[in-house]
Structures are given as structure tokens and as C-alpha cells.
Amino acid sequence: MNKLMCCFVFFCSSLQAQQVYLSVDKNGVPLYSDQAVAGSKKLELKVSLPSQPVQPVAQIIPLASLTENVASYQLTILTPAMEATVISNQGEVLVQTEVQPTLADQHKLRLVLDNIQHSPLQQSSNFRMLGVERGEHQLQLQVIDQNGKLIAESTITTFYLRKTTIVSPK
């Protein structure tokens, strides 16, 4: 598959329900457009959606203050880094975090994207999100105790999700 065709496939995957037409110029170069022109062919596009779209679980209320009798955690989001750009047409974002000291058995982690919980509670510090929309996002890691109370949170990390298009293939 040539480079132009690859770019076209990425472009088409972002169109969802829009129509695309193919025509050939006098030099034999294929031209793709969303407008029909004389001699153009209507293309049938098959668009696949992410297998596991992100399902918002709950609106998150920021931590007001920590209780004194709870372990003090240092939470760090390692990837994506602050102000990093993630390139993924499927909206896949892999998140790696660090928790110090080691998370207590009765405590769980949750990942918050744009102030909405986007992961089940878990002990693992690695997360995989699918179906994240392109644009700017805020990410935060939180520790929840056995009673469901928020007991620690990381600083907010801002990152950008970019999807490759025919206009910007790189």
C-alpha cells in the first residue's frame, strides 16, 4: 500500500458517516474529495470503531483535604508526560504511573480523564484507555480507600491526543 493510500485510509477512518469520491486527474493521480465532480466514483467506506470505547463511570469531585490517619502517597503519572502529544487514530492512550510507598491492599487506584473516572478501581499502576477523542485532555491518578473515600491524588497532567489525517499525515 503506498503512502498516499495509507494517508487516505487514516483520513477515511475519521470521516465516520461522510461520503468520499475518487477521481483521477489528467496525469493519472488519484484525487479524493467529499464533493462529487465529473467522472468521480463514490467510494464505499467501512469504518471500524474501537473495540472497547471509553465508558465514563462517574463525575469526580476534587479532593478537599486528606485525613491525618491515612498513609501519605506520592502519585506520579509517568506517561503520557506533561504537555505530550499522543498520536492514535483509535484514541488509545497507555498510562503508566508510579505510587510511593507501595499501595496498601485495601486501597485502589482510579484514573480520571477530564474529571470523569475512566477506569475500574484496580491495584495495577498501568492503564489502557480506548476511544479517547482528539484534543486536549487532563489526566489524574487517585487513591480510593476501602470505604470509597478519595485519600490521595496526583497533580493533573495535560496531554494532547492527535489523530493522523490526510491534511497532517505525520
C-alpha atoms as a PDB file:
ATOM      1  CA  MET A   1       0.000   0.000   0.000  1.00  0.00           C
ATOM      2  CA  ASN A   2       1.525   3.309  -0.999  1.00  0.00           C
ATOM      3  CA  LYS A   3       1.951   6.273   1.312  1.00  0.00           C
ATOM      4  CA  LEU A   4      -0.897   8.256  -0.262  1.00  0.00           C
ATOM      5  CA  MET A   5      -3.279   5.345   0.148  1.00  0.00           C
ATOM      6  CA  CYS A   6      -2.270   4.913   3.824  1.00  0.00           C
ATOM      7  CA  CYS A   7      -2.998   8.592   4.457  1.00  0.00           C
ATOM      8  CA  PHE A   8      -6.320   8.198   2.689  1.00  0.00           C
ATOM      9  CA  VAL A   9      -7.282   5.238   4.888  1.00  0.00           C
ATOM     10  CA  PHE A  10      -6.496   7.264   8.035  1.00  0.00           C
ATOM     11  CA  PHE A  11      -8.471  10.182   6.622  1.00  0.00           C
ATOM     12  CA  CYS A  12     -11.454   7.970   5.867  1.00  0.00           C
ATOM     13  CA  SER A  13     -11.446   6.399   9.311  1.00  0.00           C
ATOM     14  CA  SER A  14     -12.011   9.846  10.811  1.00  0.00           C
ATOM     15  CA  LEU A  15     -14.896  10.662   8.493  1.00  0.00           C
ATOM     16  CA  GLN A  16     -17.351   8.163  10.034  1.00  0.00           C
ATOM     17  CA  ALA A  17     -20.575   8.791   8.063  1.00  0.00           C
ATOM     18  CA  GLN A  18     -19.336  11.277   5.444  1.00  0.00           C
ATOM     19  CA  GLN A  19     -19.169  10.421   1.725  1.00  0.00           C
ATOM     20  CA  VAL A  20     -15.887  10.274  -0.248  1.00  0.00           C
ATOM     21  CA  TYR A  21     -15.428  10.447  -4.021  1.00  0.00           C
ATOM     22  CA  LEU A  22     -12.429   9.293  -6.101  1.00  0.00           C
ATOM     23  CA  SER A  23     -11.403  10.866  -9.402  1.00  0.00           C
ATOM     24  CA  VAL A  24      -8.214  10.746 -11.468  1.00  0.00           C
ATOM     25  CA  ASP A  25      -6.547  13.884 -12.855  1.00  0.00           C
ATOM     26  CA  LYS A  26      -5.017  14.179 -16.358  1.00  0.00           C
ATOM     27  CA  ASN A  27      -1.663  12.862 -15.015  1.00  0.00           C
ATOM     28  CA  GLY A  28      -3.259   9.740 -13.532  1.00  0.00           C
ATOM     29  CA  VAL A  29      -3.004  10.950  -9.930  1.00  0.00           C
ATOM     30  CA  PRO A  30      -5.919   9.842  -7.737  1.00  0.00           C
ATOM     31  CA  LEU A  31      -7.829  12.690  -6.069  1.00  0.00           C
ATOM     32  CA  TYR A  32     -10.101  12.199  -3.055  1.00  0.00           C
ATOM     33  CA  SER A  33     -12.857  14.628  -2.150  1.00  0.00           C
ATOM     34  CA  ASP A  34     -16.090  14.942  -0.207  1.00  0.00           C
ATOM     35  CA  GLN A  35     -17.598  16.658  -3.282  1.00  0.00           C
ATOM     36  CA  ALA A  36     -18.655  14.755  -6.441  1.00  0.00           C
ATOM     37  CA  VAL A  37     -17.008  16.015  -9.647  1.00  0.00           C
ATOM     38  CA  ALA A  38     -17.456  14.906 -13.265  1.00  0.00           C
ATOM     39  CA  GLY A  39     -16.092  11.373 -13.683  1.00  0.00           C
ATOM     40  CA  SER A  40     -15.683  10.699  -9.947  1.00  0.00           C
ATOM     41  CA  LYS A  41     -16.657   7.409  -8.296  1.00  0.00           C
ATOM     42  CA  LYS A  42     -18.480   7.173  -4.985  1.00  0.00           C
ATOM     43  CA  LEU A  43     -16.394   5.101  -2.540  1.00  0.00           C
ATOM     44  CA  GLU A  44     -17.933   2.701  -0.034  1.00  0.00           C
ATOM     45  CA  LEU A  45     -16.078   3.067   3.250  1.00  0.00           C
ATOM     46  CA  LYS A  46     -16.001   0.585   6.078  1.00  0.00           C
ATOM     47  CA  VAL A  47     -15.147   2.266   9.351  1.00  0.00           C
ATOM     48  CA  SER A  48     -14.224   0.229  12.392  1.00  0.00           C
ATOM     49  CA  LEU A  49     -14.770   1.653  15.841  1.00  0.00           C
ATOM     50  CA  PRO A  50     -12.592   0.911  18.869  1.00  0.00           C
ATOM     51  CA  SER A  51     -13.390  -2.468  20.387  1.00  0.00           C
ATOM     52  CA  GLN A  52     -13.665  -1.061  23.902  1.00  0.00           C
ATOM     53  CA  PRO A  53     -14.949   2.508  23.891  1.00  0.00           C
ATOM     54  CA  VAL A  54     -14.305   4.543  26.991  1.00  0.00           C
ATOM     55  CA  GLN A  55     -17.299   4.443  29.315  1.00  0.00           C
ATOM     56  CA  PRO A  56     -17.454   7.309  31.808  1.00  0.00           C
ATOM     57  CA  VAL A  57     -18.173   5.845  35.228  1.00  0.00           C
ATOM     58  CA  ALA A  58     -18.746   8.800  37.497  1.00  0.00           C
ATOM     59  CA  GLN A  59     -18.228  12.526  37.813  1.00  0.00           C
ATOM     60  CA  ILE A  60     -15.280  13.172  40.149  1.00  0.00           C
ATOM     61  CA  ILE A  61     -15.310  15.745  42.924  1.00  0.00           C
ATOM     62  CA  PRO A  62     -11.815  17.125  43.722  1.00  0.00           C
ATOM     63  CA  LEU A  63     -10.131  16.146  46.966  1.00  0.00           C
ATOM     64  CA  ALA A  64     -10.731  18.817  49.584  1.00  0.00           C
ATOM     65  CA  SER A  65      -8.323  17.607  52.270  1.00  0.00           C
ATOM     66  CA  LEU A  66      -6.612  14.422  53.387  1.00  0.00           C
ATOM     67  CA  THR A  67      -7.340  12.793  56.716  1.00  0.00           C
ATOM     68  CA  GLU A  68      -4.375  12.576  59.076  1.00  0.00           C
ATOM     69  CA  ASN A  69      -4.629   8.818  59.797  1.00  0.00           C
ATOM     70  CA  VAL A  70      -4.201   7.704  56.166  1.00  0.00           C
ATOM     71  CA  ALA A  71      -0.905   6.677  54.529  1.00  0.00           C
ATOM     72  CA  SER A  72       0.588   9.540  52.578  1.00  0.00           C
ATOM     73  CA  TYR A  73       1.052   8.555  48.926  1.00  0.00           C
ATOM     74  CA  GLN A  74       3.155  10.235  46.259  1.00  0.00           C
ATOM     75  CA  LEU A  75       1.366   9.660  42.936  1.00  0.00           C
ATOM     76  CA  THR A  76       3.108  10.372  39.637  1.00  0.00           C
ATOM     77  CA  ILE A  77       1.883   9.997  36.056  1.00  0.00           C
ATOM     78  CA  LEU A  78       4.948   8.896  34.073  1.00  0.00           C
ATOM     79  CA  THR A  79       3.341   8.597  30.624  1.00  0.00           C
ATOM     80  CA  PRO A  80       1.958  10.466  28.922  1.00  0.00           C
ATOM     81  CA  ALA A  81       4.273  13.222  30.113  1.00  0.00           C
ATOM     82  CA  MET A  82       3.044  16.755  30.817  1.00  0.00           C
ATOM     83  CA  GLU A  83       2.199  18.552  27.537  1.00  0.00           C
ATOM     84  CA  ALA A  84       2.992  15.385  25.497  1.00  0.00           C
ATOM     85  CA  THR A  85       1.203  14.580  22.260  1.00  0.00           C
ATOM     86  CA  VAL A  86      -0.130  11.049  21.842  1.00  0.00           C
ATOM     87  CA  ILE A  87      -0.807  10.001  18.243  1.00  0.00           C
ATOM     88  CA  SER A  88      -3.514   7.352  17.896  1.00  0.00           C
ATOM     89  CA  ASN A  89      -6.336   7.089  15.367  1.00  0.00           C
ATOM     90  CA  GLN A  90      -8.138   4.683  17.709  1.00  0.00           C
ATOM     91  CA  GLY A  91      -7.821   7.073  20.645  1.00  0.00           C
ATOM     92  CA  GLU A  92      -5.658   4.605  22.562  1.00  0.00           C
ATOM     93  CA  VAL A  93      -3.729   6.072  25.471  1.00  0.00           C
ATOM     94  CA  LEU A  94      -1.389   3.951  27.573  1.00  0.00           C
ATOM     95  CA  VAL A  95      -0.874   5.417  31.028  1.00  0.00           C
ATOM     96  CA  GLN A  96       1.997   4.432  33.294  1.00  0.00           C
ATOM     97  CA  THR A  97       2.060   5.685  36.861  1.00  0.00           C
ATOM     98  CA  GLU A  98       4.161   5.378  39.984  1.00  0.00           C
ATOM     99  CA  VAL A  99       2.848   5.070  43.541  1.00  0.00           C
ATOM    100  CA  GLN A 100       5.122   5.594  46.573  1.00  0.00           C
ATOM    101  CA  PRO A 101       5.022   3.929  49.043  1.00  0.00           C
ATOM    102  CA  THR A 102       3.531   0.685  47.701  1.00  0.00           C
ATOM    103  CA  LEU A 103      -0.251   0.766  47.641  1.00  0.00           C
ATOM    104  CA  ALA A 104      -1.903  -0.881  50.679  1.00  0.00           C
ATOM    105  CA  ASP A 105      -4.063  -3.947  49.931  1.00  0.00           C
ATOM    106  CA  GLN A 106      -7.283  -2.191  50.931  1.00  0.00           C
ATOM    107  CA  HIS A 107      -6.564   0.828  48.687  1.00  0.00           C
ATOM    108  CA  LYS A 108      -7.302   1.020  44.953  1.00  0.00           C
ATOM    109  CA  LEU A 109      -6.267   3.289  42.099  1.00  0.00           C
ATOM    110  CA  ARG A 110      -8.542   5.039  39.663  1.00  0.00           C
ATOM    111  CA  LEU A 111      -7.683   7.052  36.592  1.00  0.00           C
ATOM    112  CA  VAL A 112      -9.586  10.271  35.966  1.00  0.00           C
ATOM    113  CA  LEU A 113      -9.753  11.778  32.466  1.00  0.00           C
ATOM    114  CA  ASP A 114     -11.251  15.262  32.109  1.00  0.00           C
ATOM    115  CA  ASN A 115     -12.755  14.989  35.619  1.00  0.00           C
ATOM    116  CA  ILE A 116     -14.543  11.702  34.788  1.00  0.00           C
ATOM    117  CA  GLN A 117     -13.480   8.277  36.100  1.00  0.00           C
ATOM    118  CA  HIS A 118     -12.291   6.215  33.132  1.00  0.00           C
ATOM    119  CA  SER A 119     -11.091   3.027  34.736  1.00  0.00           C
ATOM    120  CA  PRO A 120     -12.321   0.449  37.161  1.00  0.00           C
ATOM    121  CA  LEU A 121     -10.711   0.550  40.595  1.00  0.00           C
ATOM    122  CA  GLN A 122      -7.525  -1.505  40.475  1.00  0.00           C
ATOM    123  CA  GLN A 123      -4.224  -2.241  42.198  1.00  0.00           C
ATOM    124  CA  SER A 124      -2.157  -2.085  38.982  1.00  0.00           C
ATOM    125  CA  SER A 125      -0.488   1.222  38.182  1.00  0.00           C
ATOM    126  CA  ASN A 126      -0.762   0.753  34.390  1.00  0.00           C
ATOM    127  CA  PHE A 127      -3.893   1.732  32.479  1.00  0.00           C
ATOM    128  CA  ARG A 128      -5.112   1.439  28.864  1.00  0.00           C
ATOM    129  CA  MET A 129      -7.814   3.775  27.599  1.00  0.00           C
ATOM    130  CA  LEU A 130      -9.533   3.391  24.228  1.00  0.00           C
ATOM    131  CA  GLY A 131     -11.794   5.769  22.367  1.00  0.00           C
ATOM    132  CA  VAL A 132     -10.297   8.982  23.732  1.00  0.00           C
ATOM    133  CA  GLU A 133     -11.277  11.865  21.463  1.00  0.00           C
ATOM    134  CA  ARG A 134      -8.660  14.052  19.824  1.00  0.00           C
ATOM    135  CA  GLY A 135      -7.722  17.289  21.541  1.00  0.00           C
ATOM    136  CA  GLU A 136      -6.504  18.453  24.930  1.00  0.00           C
ATOM    137  CA  HIS A 137      -7.119  16.274  27.997  1.00  0.00           C
ATOM    138  CA  GLN A 138      -6.421  16.408  31.738  1.00  0.00           C
ATOM    139  CA  LEU A 139      -5.374  13.194  33.466  1.00  0.00           C
ATOM    140  CA  GLN A 140      -5.155  12.456  37.186  1.00  0.00           C
ATOM    141  CA  LEU A 141      -4.426   9.383  39.309  1.00  0.00           C
ATOM    142  CA  GLN A 142      -6.322   8.922  42.571  1.00  0.00           C
ATOM    143  CA  VAL A 143      -6.201   6.522  45.537  1.00  0.00           C
ATOM    144  CA  ILE A 144      -9.511   5.339  46.998  1.00  0.00           C
ATOM    145  CA  ASP A 145      -9.800   3.638  50.394  1.00  0.00           C
ATOM    146  CA  GLN A 146     -11.926   0.578  51.261  1.00  0.00           C
ATOM    147  CA  ASN A 147     -14.907   2.859  52.029  1.00  0.00           C
ATOM    148  CA  GLY A 148     -14.763   4.563  48.620  1.00  0.00           C
ATOM    149  CA  LYS A 149     -13.237   7.744  50.019  1.00  0.00           C
ATOM    150  CA  LEU A 150     -10.667   9.677  47.992  1.00  0.00           C
ATOM    151  CA  ILE A 151      -7.463   9.758  50.053  1.00  0.00           C
ATOM    152  CA  ALA A 152      -4.731  10.880  47.615  1.00  0.00           C
ATOM    153  CA  GLU A 153      -4.383  12.314  44.133  1.00  0.00           C
ATOM    154  CA  SER A 154      -1.634  13.217  41.703  1.00  0.00           C
ATOM    155  CA  THR A 155      -1.173  16.589  40.089  1.00  0.00           C
ATOM    156  CA  ILE A 156      -3.120  16.990  36.864  1.00  0.00           C
ATOM    157  CA  THR A 157      -1.209  16.097  33.697  1.00  0.00           C
ATOM    158  CA  THR A 158      -2.294  17.784  30.472  1.00  0.00           C
ATOM    159  CA  PHE A 159      -1.702  15.868  27.233  1.00  0.00           C
ATOM    160  CA  TYR A 160      -2.924  16.113  23.657  1.00  0.00           C
ATOM    161  CA  LEU A 161      -4.357  13.328  21.508  1.00  0.00           C
ATOM    162  CA  ARG A 162      -3.738  13.676  17.801  1.00  0.00           C
ATOM    163  CA  LYS A 163      -5.232  11.565  15.046  1.00  0.00           C
ATOM    164  CA  THR A 164      -3.476  11.337  11.707  1.00  0.00           C
ATOM    165  CA  THR A 165      -5.389  12.854   8.814  1.00  0.00           C
ATOM    166  CA  ILE A 166      -4.673  13.397   5.138  1.00  0.00           C
ATOM    167  CA  VAL A 167      -4.042  17.072   5.989  1.00  0.00           C
ATOM    168  CA  SER A 168      -1.417  16.219   8.631  1.00  0.00           C
ATOM    169  CA  PRO A 169      -0.125  12.665   7.924  1.00  0.00           C
ATOM    170  CA  LYS A 170       2.837  12.880  10.328  1.00  0.00           C
END
